């Protein structure tokens, strides 16, 4: 589940480097702006396709070329937002230990929440 693992990697990097900018985290400001502008639509698409193994879906969200439909590499940023939503009172160790069907359910819930939550 690339959305979770990559989002968690960005979150851990941000946590271990509190002064890091979005550029330091390899999250381009323009990508963040484009993603935030379309977050409800993108989060909905990811929620519907969370269990997909289609390489094209992964390419759309995680590769550098992007499409008219999906900003380049926005999966890393949306993954970060999902991890932030699941963080609540969990430690980094507890976050890293999440897995299985319960994790999928929590990710789907977080994605649905992102559909209605302002950036």
N, C-alpha and C. Protein backbone atom coordinates (compact mmCIF):
# COMPACT_ATOMS: atom_id res chain seq x y z
N UNK A 1 0.85 -1.16 0.00
CA UNK A 1 0.00 0.00 0.00
C UNK A 1 0.90 1.23 0.00
N UNK A 2 1.16 1.68 -1.19
CA UNK A 2 2.12 2.76 -1.41
C UNK A 2 1.70 4.07 -0.76
N UNK A 3 0.41 4.38 -0.76
CA UNK A 3 -0.07 5.63 -0.16
C UNK A 3 0.34 5.70 1.30
N UNK A 4 0.16 4.61 2.03
CA UNK A 4 0.50 4.58 3.45
C UNK A 4 2.02 4.61 3.65
N UNK A 5 2.73 3.74 2.98
CA UNK A 5 4.18 3.65 3.23
C UNK A 5 4.91 4.93 2.84
N UNK A 6 4.55 5.52 1.73
CA UNK A 6 5.22 6.76 1.32
C UNK A 6 4.78 7.95 2.17
N UNK A 7 3.51 8.00 2.51
CA UNK A 7 3.03 9.05 3.41
C UNK A 7 3.70 8.96 4.77
N UNK A 8 3.86 7.74 5.28
CA UNK A 8 4.53 7.54 6.56
C UNK A 8 6.00 7.94 6.47
N UNK A 9 6.65 7.64 5.36
CA UNK A 9 8.05 8.03 5.19
C UNK A 9 8.21 9.55 5.22
N UNK A 10 7.31 10.27 4.55
CA UNK A 10 7.36 11.73 4.56
C UNK A 10 7.08 12.25 5.97
N UNK A 11 6.11 11.65 6.65
CA UNK A 11 5.76 12.08 8.00
C UNK A 11 6.94 11.88 8.97
N UNK A 12 7.58 10.74 8.89
CA UNK A 12 8.74 10.46 9.75
C UNK A 12 9.86 11.44 9.44
N UNK A 13 10.12 11.69 8.18
CA UNK A 13 11.15 12.65 7.79
C UNK A 13 10.84 14.03 8.35
N UNK A 14 9.58 14.43 8.25
CA UNK A 14 9.16 15.73 8.79
C UNK A 14 9.30 15.76 10.31
N UNK A 15 8.95 14.68 10.97
CA UNK A 15 9.03 14.61 12.43
C UNK A 15 10.47 14.65 12.93
N UNK A 16 11.36 13.99 12.21
CA UNK A 16 12.77 13.93 12.62
C UNK A 16 13.55 15.17 12.22
N UNK A 17 12.96 15.98 11.35
CA UNK A 17 13.59 17.22 10.88
C UNK A 17 12.58 18.36 11.00
N UNK A 18 12.28 18.80 12.22
CA UNK A 18 11.19 19.75 12.42
C UNK A 18 11.32 21.07 11.65
N UNK A 19 12.49 21.46 11.27
CA UNK A 19 12.67 22.69 10.51
C UNK A 19 12.61 22.50 9.01
N UNK A 20 12.34 21.28 8.58
CA UNK A 20 12.34 20.97 7.15
C UNK A 20 11.21 21.70 6.44
N UNK A 21 11.52 22.24 5.29
CA UNK A 21 10.51 22.88 4.45
C UNK A 21 9.85 21.82 3.57
N UNK A 22 8.78 22.21 2.90
CA UNK A 22 8.16 21.25 1.99
C UNK A 22 9.13 20.88 0.86
N UNK A 23 9.94 21.83 0.44
CA UNK A 23 10.95 21.51 -0.58
C UNK A 23 11.95 20.49 -0.05
N UNK A 24 12.34 20.62 1.22
CA UNK A 24 13.25 19.65 1.83
C UNK A 24 12.63 18.25 1.84
N UNK A 25 11.33 18.21 1.99
CA UNK A 25 10.61 16.93 2.02
C UNK A 25 10.25 16.44 0.62
N UNK A 26 10.73 17.15 -0.40
CA UNK A 26 10.49 16.85 -1.81
C UNK A 26 9.00 16.92 -2.14
N UNK A 27 8.35 17.92 -1.53
CA UNK A 27 6.96 18.21 -1.83
C UNK A 27 6.91 19.63 -2.40
N UNK A 28 6.84 19.71 -3.69
CA UNK A 28 6.85 21.01 -4.37
C UNK A 28 5.62 21.83 -3.99
N UNK A 29 5.83 23.10 -3.74
CA UNK A 29 4.73 23.99 -3.36
C UNK A 29 3.62 24.01 -4.40
N UNK A 30 3.98 24.02 -5.67
CA UNK A 30 2.96 24.06 -6.72
C UNK A 30 2.13 22.77 -6.70
N UNK A 31 2.76 21.64 -6.44
CA UNK A 31 2.02 20.38 -6.34
C UNK A 31 1.05 20.42 -5.17
N UNK A 32 1.49 20.95 -4.03
CA UNK A 32 0.62 21.05 -2.86
C UNK A 32 -0.57 21.94 -3.17
N UNK A 33 -0.33 23.07 -3.81
CA UNK A 33 -1.43 23.98 -4.17
C UNK A 33 -2.42 23.31 -5.13
N UNK A 34 -1.88 22.63 -6.15
CA UNK A 34 -2.74 21.95 -7.12
C UNK A 34 -3.53 20.83 -6.45
N UNK A 35 -2.89 20.11 -5.56
CA UNK A 35 -3.55 19.00 -4.87
C UNK A 35 -4.62 19.52 -3.93
N UNK A 36 -4.29 20.54 -3.13
CA UNK A 36 -5.28 21.10 -2.22
C UNK A 36 -6.51 21.61 -2.96
N UNK A 37 -6.30 22.18 -4.14
CA UNK A 37 -7.41 22.71 -4.93
C UNK A 37 -8.35 21.60 -5.40
N UNK A 38 -7.83 20.39 -5.50
CA UNK A 38 -8.62 19.26 -6.02
C UNK A 38 -8.70 18.11 -5.02
N UNK A 39 -8.39 18.39 -3.76
CA UNK A 39 -8.29 17.32 -2.75
C UNK A 39 -9.55 16.46 -2.63
N UNK A 40 -10.74 17.02 -2.59
CA UNK A 40 -11.93 16.15 -2.47
C UNK A 40 -12.00 15.10 -3.59
N UNK A 41 -11.76 15.53 -4.80
CA UNK A 41 -11.81 14.63 -5.96
C UNK A 41 -10.70 13.58 -5.89
N UNK A 42 -9.48 14.01 -5.58
CA UNK A 42 -8.35 13.09 -5.53
C UNK A 42 -8.47 12.09 -4.37
N UNK A 43 -8.91 12.57 -3.21
CA UNK A 43 -9.10 11.69 -2.06
C UNK A 43 -10.19 10.66 -2.34
N UNK A 44 -11.24 11.08 -3.01
CA UNK A 44 -12.32 10.16 -3.39
C UNK A 44 -11.80 9.07 -4.33
N UNK A 45 -11.03 9.47 -5.32
CA UNK A 45 -10.46 8.52 -6.27
C UNK A 45 -9.57 7.51 -5.55
N UNK A 46 -8.74 7.99 -4.64
CA UNK A 46 -7.86 7.09 -3.90
C UNK A 46 -8.65 6.16 -2.99
N UNK A 47 -9.69 6.67 -2.33
CA UNK A 47 -10.50 5.83 -1.46
C UNK A 47 -11.16 4.70 -2.26
N UNK A 48 -11.66 5.04 -3.45
CA UNK A 48 -12.32 4.03 -4.29
C UNK A 48 -11.33 2.99 -4.82
N UNK A 49 -10.08 3.38 -4.97
CA UNK A 49 -9.08 2.51 -5.59
C UNK A 49 -7.97 2.08 -4.63
N UNK A 50 -8.22 2.18 -3.33
CA UNK A 50 -7.18 1.94 -2.34
C UNK A 50 -6.55 0.55 -2.46
N UNK A 51 -7.34 -0.43 -2.80
CA UNK A 51 -6.83 -1.81 -2.88
C UNK A 51 -6.37 -2.20 -4.30
N UNK A 52 -6.39 -1.24 -5.19
CA UNK A 52 -6.01 -1.51 -6.58
C UNK A 52 -4.52 -1.83 -6.69
N UNK A 53 -4.21 -2.74 -7.57
CA UNK A 53 -2.80 -3.06 -7.86
C UNK A 53 -2.42 -2.56 -9.26
N UNK A 54 -3.29 -1.74 -9.85
CA UNK A 54 -3.02 -1.20 -11.18
C UNK A 54 -1.80 -0.29 -11.16
N UNK A 55 -0.83 -0.61 -11.95
CA UNK A 55 0.39 0.19 -12.02
C UNK A 55 0.11 1.61 -12.50
N UNK A 56 -0.88 1.77 -13.38
CA UNK A 56 -1.19 3.11 -13.89
C UNK A 56 -1.69 4.02 -12.77
N UNK A 57 -2.42 3.48 -11.80
CA UNK A 57 -2.89 4.28 -10.67
C UNK A 57 -1.71 4.75 -9.83
N UNK A 58 -0.78 3.84 -9.57
CA UNK A 58 0.42 4.21 -8.82
C UNK A 58 1.23 5.24 -9.59
N UNK A 59 1.34 5.05 -10.89
CA UNK A 59 2.09 6.00 -11.71
C UNK A 59 1.46 7.38 -11.66
N UNK A 60 0.13 7.44 -11.75
CA UNK A 60 -0.56 8.73 -11.72
C UNK A 60 -0.25 9.50 -10.45
N UNK A 61 -0.23 8.83 -9.32
CA UNK A 61 -0.10 9.50 -8.03
C UNK A 61 1.33 9.63 -7.49
N UNK A 62 2.25 8.80 -7.98
CA UNK A 62 3.57 8.80 -7.36
C UNK A 62 4.73 9.10 -8.30
N UNK A 63 4.51 9.12 -9.58
CA UNK A 63 5.60 9.39 -10.50
C UNK A 63 5.68 10.87 -10.83
N UNK A 64 6.80 11.28 -11.34
CA UNK A 64 7.10 12.71 -11.52
C UNK A 64 6.41 13.35 -12.71
N UNK A 65 5.82 12.58 -13.61
CA UNK A 65 5.28 13.23 -14.81
C UNK A 65 3.87 13.77 -14.62
N UNK A 66 3.06 13.23 -13.75
CA UNK A 66 1.72 13.75 -13.52
C UNK A 66 0.85 13.66 -14.78
N UNK A 67 -0.40 14.02 -14.64
CA UNK A 67 -1.34 14.02 -15.75
C UNK A 67 -2.26 15.23 -15.58
N UNK A 68 -3.13 15.44 -16.55
CA UNK A 68 -4.13 16.50 -16.40
C UNK A 68 -5.06 16.19 -15.24
N UNK A 69 -5.24 14.92 -14.96
CA UNK A 69 -6.15 14.46 -13.92
C UNK A 69 -5.53 14.51 -12.53
N UNK A 70 -4.22 14.27 -12.44
CA UNK A 70 -3.55 14.12 -11.14
C UNK A 70 -2.23 14.89 -11.13
N UNK A 71 -2.03 15.80 -10.16
CA UNK A 71 -0.74 16.50 -10.07
C UNK A 71 0.42 15.52 -9.82
N UNK A 72 1.54 15.78 -10.42
CA UNK A 72 2.72 14.91 -10.29
C UNK A 72 3.08 14.72 -8.81
N UNK A 73 3.28 13.46 -8.43
CA UNK A 73 3.77 13.06 -7.11
C UNK A 73 2.84 13.41 -5.96
N UNK A 74 1.58 13.73 -6.23
CA UNK A 74 0.68 14.17 -5.16
C UNK A 74 0.34 13.05 -4.18
N UNK A 75 0.59 11.81 -4.53
CA UNK A 75 0.34 10.70 -3.61
C UNK A 75 1.16 10.80 -2.34
N UNK A 76 2.35 11.36 -2.45
CA UNK A 76 3.20 11.54 -1.26
C UNK A 76 2.55 12.53 -0.29
N UNK A 77 2.03 13.61 -0.83
CA UNK A 77 1.39 14.63 -0.01
C UNK A 77 0.07 14.13 0.58
N UNK A 78 -0.75 13.48 -0.25
CA UNK A 78 -2.01 12.95 0.26
C UNK A 78 -1.73 11.87 1.30
N UNK A 79 -0.71 11.06 1.06
CA UNK A 79 -0.31 10.05 2.05
C UNK A 79 0.09 10.69 3.36
N UNK A 80 0.83 11.79 3.29
CA UNK A 80 1.21 12.54 4.49
C UNK A 80 -0.04 13.02 5.22
N UNK A 81 -1.00 13.55 4.49
CA UNK A 81 -2.24 14.03 5.12
C UNK A 81 -2.99 12.88 5.79
N UNK A 82 -2.98 11.70 5.18
CA UNK A 82 -3.62 10.53 5.78
C UNK A 82 -2.92 10.15 7.07
N UNK A 83 -1.60 10.10 7.05
CA UNK A 83 -0.84 9.77 8.26
C UNK A 83 -1.12 10.79 9.36
N UNK A 84 -1.14 12.05 9.00
CA UNK A 84 -1.45 13.09 10.00
C UNK A 84 -2.82 12.86 10.61
N UNK A 85 -3.78 12.43 9.82
CA UNK A 85 -5.13 12.17 10.32
C UNK A 85 -5.14 10.96 11.26
N UNK A 86 -4.33 9.96 10.96
CA UNK A 86 -4.30 8.76 11.79
C UNK A 86 -3.38 8.91 13.01
N UNK A 87 -2.56 9.93 13.01
CA UNK A 87 -1.58 10.14 14.09
C UNK A 87 -2.26 10.27 15.44
N UNK A 88 -3.25 11.15 15.53
CA UNK A 88 -3.96 11.43 16.77
C UNK A 88 -3.04 11.28 17.97
N UNK A 89 -3.27 10.30 18.83
CA UNK A 89 -2.45 10.12 20.03
C UNK A 89 -1.48 8.95 19.90
N UNK A 90 -1.19 8.54 18.67
CA UNK A 90 -0.28 7.42 18.45
C UNK A 90 1.17 7.89 18.36
N UNK A 91 2.07 7.07 18.82
CA UNK A 91 3.50 7.33 18.67
C UNK A 91 3.92 6.96 17.24
N UNK A 92 5.12 7.38 16.86
CA UNK A 92 5.65 6.97 15.55
C UNK A 92 5.74 5.45 15.47
N UNK A 93 6.16 4.84 16.56
CA UNK A 93 6.28 3.38 16.59
C UNK A 93 4.91 2.73 16.37
N UNK A 94 3.88 3.26 17.02
CA UNK A 94 2.54 2.72 16.85
C UNK A 94 2.05 2.91 15.41
N UNK A 95 2.34 4.07 14.83
CA UNK A 95 1.95 4.30 13.43
C UNK A 95 2.62 3.29 12.51
N UNK A 96 3.90 3.07 12.72
CA UNK A 96 4.65 2.14 11.88
C UNK A 96 4.14 0.71 12.03
N UNK A 97 3.54 0.40 13.15
CA UNK A 97 3.04 -0.95 13.39
C UNK A 97 1.65 -1.22 12.85
N UNK A 98 0.96 -0.19 12.36
CA UNK A 98 -0.39 -0.40 11.83
C UNK A 98 -0.33 -1.22 10.55
N UNK A 99 -1.28 -2.15 10.39
CA UNK A 99 -1.33 -2.95 9.17
C UNK A 99 -2.66 -3.68 9.05
N UNK A 100 -2.81 -4.40 7.98
CA UNK A 100 -3.96 -5.25 7.79
C UNK A 100 -5.25 -4.52 7.45
N UNK A 101 -6.34 -5.25 7.61
CA UNK A 101 -7.66 -4.75 7.24
C UNK A 101 -8.05 -3.51 8.04
N UNK A 102 -7.69 -3.47 9.30
CA UNK A 102 -8.02 -2.31 10.13
C UNK A 102 -7.34 -1.05 9.60
N UNK A 103 -6.10 -1.18 9.12
CA UNK A 103 -5.40 -0.04 8.56
C UNK A 103 -6.11 0.46 7.29
N UNK A 104 -6.50 -0.47 6.43
CA UNK A 104 -7.23 -0.07 5.21
C UNK A 104 -8.48 0.72 5.57
N UNK A 105 -9.20 0.25 6.58
CA UNK A 105 -10.42 0.93 7.00
C UNK A 105 -10.11 2.33 7.51
N UNK A 106 -9.07 2.47 8.31
CA UNK A 106 -8.70 3.80 8.82
C UNK A 106 -8.25 4.73 7.71
N UNK A 107 -7.51 4.20 6.73
CA UNK A 107 -7.07 5.01 5.60
C UNK A 107 -8.28 5.47 4.78
N UNK A 108 -9.20 4.56 4.52
CA UNK A 108 -10.41 4.93 3.78
C UNK A 108 -11.17 6.02 4.52
N UNK A 109 -11.29 5.89 5.85
CA UNK A 109 -11.96 6.92 6.65
C UNK A 109 -11.24 8.26 6.55
N UNK A 110 -9.91 8.22 6.62
CA UNK A 110 -9.12 9.46 6.52
C UNK A 110 -9.30 10.09 5.15
N UNK A 111 -9.31 9.29 4.09
CA UNK A 111 -9.51 9.82 2.74
C UNK A 111 -10.90 10.44 2.60
N UNK A 112 -11.89 9.80 3.18
CA UNK A 112 -13.24 10.38 3.13
C UNK A 112 -13.29 11.70 3.89
N UNK A 113 -12.56 11.76 5.00
CA UNK A 113 -12.50 13.01 5.76
C UNK A 113 -11.83 14.10 4.94
N UNK A 114 -10.80 13.75 4.19
CA UNK A 114 -10.09 14.74 3.36
C UNK A 114 -10.99 15.28 2.24
N UNK A 115 -12.03 14.54 1.91
CA UNK A 115 -12.95 15.00 0.88
C UNK A 115 -13.75 16.22 1.33
N UNK A 116 -13.85 16.40 2.65
CA UNK A 116 -14.66 17.52 3.18
C UNK A 116 -13.87 18.47 4.07
N UNK A 117 -12.59 18.17 4.30
CA UNK A 117 -11.77 19.00 5.18
C UNK A 117 -10.95 19.99 4.34
N UNK A 118 -11.00 21.26 4.69
CA UNK A 118 -10.17 22.23 3.95
C UNK A 118 -8.69 21.95 4.21
N UNK A 119 -7.81 22.33 3.28
CA UNK A 119 -6.36 22.07 3.45
C UNK A 119 -5.78 22.77 4.66
